[in-house]
């Protein structure tokens, strides 16, 4: 492949990735991973102002690798929703840029101060 075709293919891949950005629905919220606790548990600071201990469900455990500072989609539990939740999705860097442009991550600057 020529460099032009490779660049075009890369651009199309990025656009496809952005098009499929998953947005919070219902009681779901966005959050930033603060700390990995082990045993598929993580501490996440959610954009609704609460810090939750979240677990990575078994169906995602092998596929979802998370690091400190990753932006995640969290679904709080119905019982104990203020303290616990499930990790549903991890956003890639291009998706995070898209969310910032659309205003979903406006509150993220406030969290950097803490």
C-alpha atoms as a PDB file:
ATOM      1  CA  UNK A   1       0.000   0.000   0.000  1.00  0.00           C
ATOM      2  CA  UNK A   2       1.119   3.507  -0.664  1.00  0.00           C
ATOM      3  CA  UNK A   3       1.488   6.007   2.154  1.00  0.00           C
ATOM      4  CA  UNK A   4      -1.512   7.953   0.900  1.00  0.00           C
ATOM      5  CA  UNK A   5      -3.766   4.894   1.045  1.00  0.00           C
ATOM      6  CA  UNK A   6      -2.446   3.973   4.498  1.00  0.00           C
ATOM      7  CA  UNK A   7      -3.159   7.476   5.795  1.00  0.00           C
ATOM      8  CA  UNK A   8      -6.657   7.387   4.297  1.00  0.00           C
ATOM      9  CA  UNK A   9      -7.356   3.976   5.853  1.00  0.00           C
ATOM     10  CA  UNK A  10      -6.163   5.242   9.247  1.00  0.00           C
ATOM     11  CA  UNK A  11      -8.405   8.324   8.962  1.00  0.00           C
ATOM     12  CA  UNK A  12     -11.423   6.140   8.112  1.00  0.00           C
ATOM     13  CA  UNK A  13     -10.675   3.888  11.093  1.00  0.00           C
ATOM     14  CA  UNK A  14     -10.543   6.894  13.449  1.00  0.00           C
ATOM     15  CA  UNK A  15     -13.815   8.270  12.052  1.00  0.00           C
ATOM     16  CA  UNK A  16     -15.516   4.885  12.496  1.00  0.00           C
ATOM     17  CA  UNK A  17     -14.252   4.771  16.083  1.00  0.00           C
ATOM     18  CA  UNK A  18     -15.664   8.231  16.797  1.00  0.00           C
ATOM     19  CA  UNK A  19     -18.994   7.438  15.186  1.00  0.00           C
ATOM     20  CA  UNK A  20     -19.558   4.598  17.617  1.00  0.00           C
ATOM     21  CA  UNK A  21     -18.993   6.519  20.832  1.00  0.00           C
ATOM     22  CA  UNK A  22     -21.177   5.085  23.551  1.00  0.00           C
ATOM     23  CA  UNK A  23     -22.977   7.763  25.563  1.00  0.00           C
ATOM     24  CA  UNK A  24     -24.394   7.456  29.096  1.00  0.00           C
ATOM     25  CA  UNK A  25     -28.048   6.392  29.235  1.00  0.00           C
ATOM     26  CA  UNK A  26     -30.427   6.355  32.163  1.00  0.00           C
ATOM     27  CA  UNK A  27     -28.514   6.268  35.433  1.00  0.00           C
ATOM     28  CA  UNK A  28     -25.120   5.576  33.791  1.00  0.00           C
ATOM     29  CA  UNK A  29     -22.323   8.078  34.360  1.00  0.00           C
ATOM     30  CA  UNK A  30     -18.812   8.776  33.152  1.00  0.00           C
ATOM     31  CA  UNK A  31     -15.855   8.388  35.490  1.00  0.00           C
ATOM     32  CA  UNK A  32     -12.072   8.493  35.721  1.00  0.00           C
ATOM     33  CA  UNK A  33     -10.190   5.533  37.114  1.00  0.00           C
ATOM     34  CA  UNK A  34      -8.303   6.582  40.240  1.00  0.00           C
ATOM     35  CA  UNK A  35      -6.847   3.322  41.467  1.00  0.00           C
ATOM     36  CA  UNK A  36      -6.797  -0.395  40.702  1.00  0.00           C
ATOM     37  CA  UNK A  37      -7.629  -2.383  43.812  1.00  0.00           C
ATOM     38  CA  UNK A  38      -7.093  -5.925  42.547  1.00  0.00           C
ATOM     39  CA  UNK A  39      -9.527  -8.771  42.071  1.00  0.00           C
ATOM     40  CA  UNK A  40     -11.278  -7.008  39.163  1.00  0.00           C
ATOM     41  CA  UNK A  41     -12.112  -4.050  41.414  1.00  0.00           C
ATOM     42  CA  UNK A  42     -11.242  -0.409  40.732  1.00  0.00           C
ATOM     43  CA  UNK A  43     -11.863   2.952  42.428  1.00  0.00           C
ATOM     44  CA  UNK A  44     -13.525   5.389  40.032  1.00  0.00           C
ATOM     45  CA  UNK A  45     -14.258   9.090  40.523  1.00  0.00           C
ATOM     46  CA  UNK A  46     -17.553   9.651  38.725  1.00  0.00           C
ATOM     47  CA  UNK A  47     -18.635  12.931  37.150  1.00  0.00           C
ATOM     48  CA  UNK A  48     -21.720  13.011  39.399  1.00  0.00           C
ATOM     49  CA  UNK A  49     -19.352  13.853  42.259  1.00  0.00           C
ATOM     50  CA  UNK A  50     -19.169  10.442  43.922  1.00  0.00           C
ATOM     51  CA  UNK A  51     -16.268   8.013  44.250  1.00  0.00           C
ATOM     52  CA  UNK A  52     -17.329   4.411  43.709  1.00  0.00           C
ATOM     53  CA  UNK A  53     -15.719   1.009  44.075  1.00  0.00           C
ATOM     54  CA  UNK A  54     -16.540  -0.604  40.734  1.00  0.00           C
ATOM     55  CA  UNK A  55     -16.052  -4.109  39.491  1.00  0.00           C
ATOM     56  CA  UNK A  56     -15.249  -5.314  36.006  1.00  0.00           C
ATOM     57  CA  UNK A  57     -17.875  -7.977  35.174  1.00  0.00           C
ATOM     58  CA  UNK A  58     -16.722 -11.456  34.181  1.00  0.00           C
ATOM     59  CA  UNK A  59     -17.742 -11.033  30.539  1.00  0.00           C
ATOM     60  CA  UNK A  60     -15.309  -8.097  30.229  1.00  0.00           C
ATOM     61  CA  UNK A  61     -12.569  -9.226  32.613  1.00  0.00           C
ATOM     62  CA  UNK A  62     -10.200 -10.648  29.971  1.00  0.00           C
ATOM     63  CA  UNK A  63     -10.995  -8.076  27.260  1.00  0.00           C
ATOM     64  CA  UNK A  64     -10.968  -4.846  29.265  1.00  0.00           C
ATOM     65  CA  UNK A  65      -7.532  -3.670  30.409  1.00  0.00           C
ATOM     66  CA  UNK A  66      -7.684  -0.460  32.399  1.00  0.00           C
ATOM     67  CA  UNK A  67      -5.068   1.938  33.751  1.00  0.00           C
ATOM     68  CA  UNK A  68      -5.095   4.912  36.055  1.00  0.00           C
ATOM     69  CA  UNK A  69      -6.596   7.963  34.340  1.00  0.00           C
ATOM     70  CA  UNK A  70      -8.767   6.020  31.864  1.00  0.00           C
ATOM     71  CA  UNK A  71     -12.254   7.387  31.151  1.00  0.00           C
ATOM     72  CA  UNK A  72     -14.902   4.746  31.827  1.00  0.00           C
ATOM     73  CA  UNK A  73     -18.658   4.349  31.548  1.00  0.00           C
ATOM     74  CA  UNK A  74     -20.068   3.310  34.931  1.00  0.00           C
ATOM     75  CA  UNK A  75     -23.453   1.898  35.870  1.00  0.00           C
ATOM     76  CA  UNK A  76     -24.203   2.387  39.595  1.00  0.00           C
ATOM     77  CA  UNK A  77     -25.795  -0.512  41.428  1.00  0.00           C
ATOM     78  CA  UNK A  78     -29.455  -0.200  42.364  1.00  0.00           C
ATOM     79  CA  UNK A  79     -28.619  -1.149  45.951  1.00  0.00           C
ATOM     80  CA  UNK A  80     -25.724   0.868  47.286  1.00  0.00           C
ATOM     81  CA  UNK A  81     -25.508   2.930  44.099  1.00  0.00           C
ATOM     82  CA  UNK A  82     -23.621   5.741  45.820  1.00  0.00           C
ATOM     83  CA  UNK A  83     -20.714   3.466  46.730  1.00  0.00           C
ATOM     84  CA  UNK A  84     -20.633   0.667  44.150  1.00  0.00           C
ATOM     85  CA  UNK A  85     -21.057   0.100  40.432  1.00  0.00           C
ATOM     86  CA  UNK A  86     -20.047  -1.843  37.330  1.00  0.00           C
ATOM     87  CA  UNK A  87     -17.619  -0.820  34.603  1.00  0.00           C
ATOM     88  CA  UNK A  88     -19.436  -1.094  31.276  1.00  0.00           C
ATOM     89  CA  UNK A  89     -17.079   0.461  28.752  1.00  0.00           C
ATOM     90  CA  UNK A  90     -13.615   2.012  28.395  1.00  0.00           C
ATOM     91  CA  UNK A  91     -13.214   4.991  26.072  1.00  0.00           C
ATOM     92  CA  UNK A  92     -10.248   5.230  23.696  1.00  0.00           C
ATOM     93  CA  UNK A  93      -8.276   8.489  23.373  1.00  0.00           C
ATOM     94  CA  UNK A  94     -10.049   9.576  20.171  1.00  0.00           C
ATOM     95  CA  UNK A  95     -13.417   8.896  21.803  1.00  0.00           C
ATOM     96  CA  UNK A  96     -12.373  10.949  24.851  1.00  0.00           C
ATOM     97  CA  UNK A  97     -11.501  13.869  22.531  1.00  0.00           C
ATOM     98  CA  UNK A  98     -14.941  13.543  20.918  1.00  0.00           C
ATOM     99  CA  UNK A  99     -16.654  13.570  24.339  1.00  0.00           C
ATOM    100  CA  UNK A 100     -14.697  16.687  25.324  1.00  0.00           C
ATOM    101  CA  UNK A 101     -15.702  18.453  22.099  1.00  0.00           C
ATOM    102  CA  UNK A 102     -19.372  17.591  22.642  1.00  0.00           C
ATOM    103  CA  UNK A 103     -19.291  18.810  26.247  1.00  0.00           C
ATOM    104  CA  UNK A 104     -19.798  15.529  28.101  1.00  0.00           C
ATOM    105  CA  UNK A 105     -16.486  15.908  29.947  1.00  0.00           C
ATOM    106  CA  UNK A 106     -16.723  19.607  30.868  1.00  0.00           C
ATOM    107  CA  UNK A 107     -16.616  18.740  34.572  1.00  0.00           C
ATOM    108  CA  UNK A 108     -13.343  16.819  34.150  1.00  0.00           C
ATOM    109  CA  UNK A 109     -11.277  19.974  34.744  1.00  0.00           C
ATOM    110  CA  UNK A 110     -12.821  20.353  38.210  1.00  0.00           C
ATOM    111  CA  UNK A 111     -11.577  16.878  39.155  1.00  0.00           C
ATOM    112  CA  UNK A 112      -7.972  17.655  38.290  1.00  0.00           C
ATOM    113  CA  UNK A 113      -7.880  20.122  41.199  1.00  0.00           C
ATOM    114  CA  UNK A 114      -8.628  17.487  43.874  1.00  0.00           C
END
